[in-house]
Amino acid sequence: MTATPLSSMALVLFGSVIGSFGAVFLKSGATKLKQGFWHILNWHLALGVALFLLSAVFFVLGIRHGELSVLYPMVSLGYVWTLLWSRLFFHEAFTRQKFFGLGLILVGVFFVGMGSK
């Protein structure tokens, strides 16, 4: 297989952003469950699931023409986006450990990406 095209990388990256928004809506919808289990039928949870499914579509489109060993680690960039969204939407604290983990993710994705042909 030839080197992974940038278009495949862009699709997977876009899918990771969409999936991270899915996590935001799942968290938002999950808070409504404190009002009782029947609140599981809320639009926040439904949108979160829909966004995860949509992100899977972009992942599939992206991995069609690229190296899985290069593209799949890019999925972990969703954790980076989720860290940012959790701060922005839920006012969660940035900690030293979170920054260290973020750095490890970015270094890992970088090195795996360098391993492509």
C-alpha atoms as a PDB file:
ATOM      1  CA  MET A   1       0.000   0.000   0.000  1.00  0.00           C
ATOM      2  CA  THR A   2       1.207   3.519  -0.723  1.00  0.00           C
ATOM      3  CA  ALA A   3       1.631   6.272   1.836  1.00  0.00           C
ATOM      4  CA  THR A   4      -1.486   7.408   3.625  1.00  0.00           C
ATOM      5  CA  PRO A   5      -3.110  10.322   1.761  1.00  0.00           C
ATOM      6  CA  LEU A   6      -3.730  13.602   3.559  1.00  0.00           C
ATOM      7  CA  SER A   7      -7.421  13.327   2.682  1.00  0.00           C
ATOM      8  CA  SER A   8      -7.644  10.125   4.729  1.00  0.00           C
ATOM      9  CA  MET A   9      -5.892  11.814   7.633  1.00  0.00           C
ATOM     10  CA  ALA A  10      -8.281  14.777   7.397  1.00  0.00           C
ATOM     11  CA  LEU A  11     -11.331  12.476   7.420  1.00  0.00           C
ATOM     12  CA  VAL A  12     -10.099  10.617  10.501  1.00  0.00           C
ATOM     13  CA  LEU A  13      -9.187  13.873  12.238  1.00  0.00           C
ATOM     14  CA  PHE A  14     -12.627  15.318  11.471  1.00  0.00           C
ATOM     15  CA  GLY A  15     -14.209  12.110  12.763  1.00  0.00           C
ATOM     16  CA  SER A  16     -12.288  12.453  16.015  1.00  0.00           C
ATOM     17  CA  VAL A  17     -13.595  16.011  16.474  1.00  0.00           C
ATOM     18  CA  ILE A  18     -17.186  14.909  15.831  1.00  0.00           C
ATOM     19  CA  GLY A  19     -16.778  11.969  18.220  1.00  0.00           C
ATOM     20  CA  SER A  20     -15.473  14.279  20.933  1.00  0.00           C
ATOM     21  CA  PHE A  21     -18.600  16.404  20.610  1.00  0.00           C
ATOM     22  CA  GLY A  22     -20.548  13.155  20.952  1.00  0.00           C
ATOM     23  CA  ALA A  23     -18.906  12.671  24.344  1.00  0.00           C
ATOM     24  CA  VAL A  24     -19.930  16.197  25.354  1.00  0.00           C
ATOM     25  CA  PHE A  25     -23.565  15.525  24.533  1.00  0.00           C
ATOM     26  CA  LEU A  26     -23.497  12.133  26.267  1.00  0.00           C
ATOM     27  CA  LYS A  27     -22.214  13.814  29.439  1.00  0.00           C
ATOM     28  CA  SER A  28     -24.809  16.554  29.125  1.00  0.00           C
ATOM     29  CA  GLY A  29     -27.587  14.015  28.615  1.00  0.00           C
ATOM     30  CA  ALA A  30     -26.350  11.794  31.424  1.00  0.00           C
ATOM     31  CA  THR A  31     -26.860  14.594  33.943  1.00  0.00           C
ATOM     32  CA  LYS A  32     -30.585  14.420  33.190  1.00  0.00           C
ATOM     33  CA  LEU A  33     -30.617  10.830  34.474  1.00  0.00           C
ATOM     34  CA  LYS A  34     -30.440  12.210  38.011  1.00  0.00           C
ATOM     35  CA  GLN A  35     -34.108  13.085  37.536  1.00  0.00           C
ATOM     36  CA  GLY A  36     -34.959   9.411  36.964  1.00  0.00           C
ATOM     37  CA  PHE A  37     -34.171   6.591  34.569  1.00  0.00           C
ATOM     38  CA  TRP A  38     -36.982   7.508  32.166  1.00  0.00           C
ATOM     39  CA  HIS A  39     -35.068  10.649  31.300  1.00  0.00           C
ATOM     40  CA  ILE A  40     -32.785   8.396  29.274  1.00  0.00           C
ATOM     41  CA  LEU A  41     -34.944   9.466  26.341  1.00  0.00           C
ATOM     42  CA  ASN A  42     -33.540  12.978  25.969  1.00  0.00           C
ATOM     43  CA  TRP A  43     -32.198  14.781  22.945  1.00  0.00           C
ATOM     44  CA  HIS A  44     -28.724  15.298  24.435  1.00  0.00           C
ATOM     45  CA  LEU A  45     -28.145  11.560  24.722  1.00  0.00           C
ATOM     46  CA  ALA A  46     -29.676  10.940  21.295  1.00  0.00           C
ATOM     47  CA  LEU A  47     -27.438  13.582  19.714  1.00  0.00           C
ATOM     48  CA  GLY A  48     -24.382  12.147  21.482  1.00  0.00           C
ATOM     49  CA  VAL A  49     -25.076   8.693  20.056  1.00  0.00           C
ATOM     50  CA  ALA A  50     -25.772  10.181  16.614  1.00  0.00           C
ATOM     51  CA  LEU A  51     -22.485  12.083  16.661  1.00  0.00           C
ATOM     52  CA  PHE A  52     -20.575   8.916  17.596  1.00  0.00           C
ATOM     53  CA  LEU A  53     -22.229   7.107  14.685  1.00  0.00           C
ATOM     54  CA  LEU A  54     -21.413   9.981  12.339  1.00  0.00           C
ATOM     55  CA  SER A  55     -17.791   9.950  13.491  1.00  0.00           C
ATOM     56  CA  ALA A  56     -17.655   6.243  12.633  1.00  0.00           C
ATOM     57  CA  VAL A  57     -18.730   7.109   9.063  1.00  0.00           C
ATOM     58  CA  PHE A  58     -15.786   9.503   8.740  1.00  0.00           C
ATOM     59  CA  PHE A  59     -13.425   6.891  10.219  1.00  0.00           C
ATOM     60  CA  VAL A  60     -14.570   4.308   7.676  1.00  0.00           C
ATOM     61  CA  LEU A  61     -14.194   6.767   4.810  1.00  0.00           C
ATOM     62  CA  GLY A  62     -10.739   7.707   6.053  1.00  0.00           C
ATOM     63  CA  ILE A  63      -9.321   4.227   6.556  1.00  0.00           C
ATOM     64  CA  ARG A  64     -10.422   3.036   3.114  1.00  0.00           C
ATOM     65  CA  HIS A  65      -7.367   4.455   1.375  1.00  0.00           C
ATOM     66  CA  GLY A  66      -4.762   4.708   4.107  1.00  0.00           C
ATOM     67  CA  GLU A  67      -2.702   2.636   6.444  1.00  0.00           C
ATOM     68  CA  LEU A  68      -4.703   1.541   9.462  1.00  0.00           C
ATOM     69  CA  SER A  69      -1.561   1.556  11.608  1.00  0.00           C
ATOM     70  CA  VAL A  70      -1.155   5.283  10.872  1.00  0.00           C
ATOM     71  CA  LEU A  71      -4.795   6.371  10.890  1.00  0.00           C
ATOM     72  CA  TYR A  72      -6.210   4.531  13.873  1.00  0.00           C
ATOM     73  CA  PRO A  73      -3.852   6.149  16.401  1.00  0.00           C
ATOM     74  CA  MET A  74      -5.212   9.490  15.149  1.00  0.00           C
ATOM     75  CA  VAL A  75      -8.527   8.462  16.705  1.00  0.00           C
ATOM     76  CA  SER A  76      -6.853   9.066  20.074  1.00  0.00           C
ATOM     77  CA  LEU A  77      -6.779  12.767  19.197  1.00  0.00           C
ATOM     78  CA  GLY A  78     -10.434  12.679  20.229  1.00  0.00           C
ATOM     79  CA  TYR A  79      -9.118  12.648  23.798  1.00  0.00           C
ATOM     80  CA  VAL A  80      -7.339  15.930  23.114  1.00  0.00           C
ATOM     81  CA  TRP A  81     -10.529  17.556  21.815  1.00  0.00           C
ATOM     82  CA  THR A  82     -12.539  16.113  24.691  1.00  0.00           C
ATOM     83  CA  LEU A  83     -10.098  17.614  27.194  1.00  0.00           C
ATOM     84  CA  LEU A  84     -10.643  21.024  25.611  1.00  0.00           C
ATOM     85  CA  TRP A  85     -14.437  20.679  25.430  1.00  0.00           C
ATOM     86  CA  SER A  86     -14.653  19.462  29.043  1.00  0.00           C
ATOM     87  CA  ARG A  87     -12.882  22.630  30.135  1.00  0.00           C
ATOM     88  CA  LEU A  88     -14.994  24.855  27.908  1.00  0.00           C
ATOM     89  CA  PHE A  89     -18.443  23.360  28.529  1.00  0.00           C
ATOM     90  CA  PHE A  90     -18.162  21.754  31.985  1.00  0.00           C
ATOM     91  CA  HIS A  91     -15.443  23.933  33.558  1.00  0.00           C
ATOM     92  CA  GLU A  92     -13.342  20.898  34.432  1.00  0.00           C
ATOM     93  CA  ALA A  93      -9.865  21.715  35.668  1.00  0.00           C
ATOM     94  CA  PHE A  94      -6.697  21.241  33.666  1.00  0.00           C
ATOM     95  CA  THR A  95      -4.240  19.370  35.843  1.00  0.00           C
ATOM     96  CA  ARG A  96      -0.571  18.534  35.493  1.00  0.00           C
ATOM     97  CA  GLN A  97      -1.484  14.873  34.964  1.00  0.00           C
ATOM     98  CA  LYS A  98      -3.923  15.753  32.181  1.00  0.00           C
ATOM     99  CA  PHE A  99      -1.282  17.833  30.404  1.00  0.00           C
ATOM    100  CA  PHE A 100       1.224  14.999  30.779  1.00  0.00           C
ATOM    101  CA  GLY A 101      -1.264  12.533  29.309  1.00  0.00           C
ATOM    102  CA  LEU A 102      -2.067  14.960  26.503  1.00  0.00           C
ATOM    103  CA  GLY A 103       1.634  15.227  25.718  1.00  0.00           C
ATOM    104  CA  LEU A 104       2.014  11.446  25.615  1.00  0.00           C
ATOM    105  CA  ILE A 105      -0.920  11.153  23.201  1.00  0.00           C
ATOM    106  CA  LEU A 106       0.492  13.809  20.881  1.00  0.00           C
ATOM    107  CA  VAL A 107       3.993  12.313  20.943  1.00  0.00           C
ATOM    108  CA  GLY A 108       2.585   8.851  20.263  1.00  0.00           C
ATOM    109  CA  VAL A 109       0.482  10.003  17.312  1.00  0.00           C
ATOM    110  CA  PHE A 110       3.496  11.885  15.934  1.00  0.00           C
ATOM    111  CA  PHE A 111       5.794   8.856  16.104  1.00  0.00           C
ATOM    112  CA  VAL A 112       3.242   6.462  14.637  1.00  0.00           C
ATOM    113  CA  GLY A 113       2.622   8.962  11.824  1.00  0.00           C
ATOM    114  CA  MET A 114       6.357   9.089  11.113  1.00  0.00           C
ATOM    115  CA  GLY A 115       6.265   5.340  10.660  1.00  0.00           C
ATOM    116  CA  SER A 116       4.198   5.608   7.474  1.00  0.00           C
ATOM    117  CA  LYS A 117       5.868   4.970   4.154  1.00  0.00           C
END
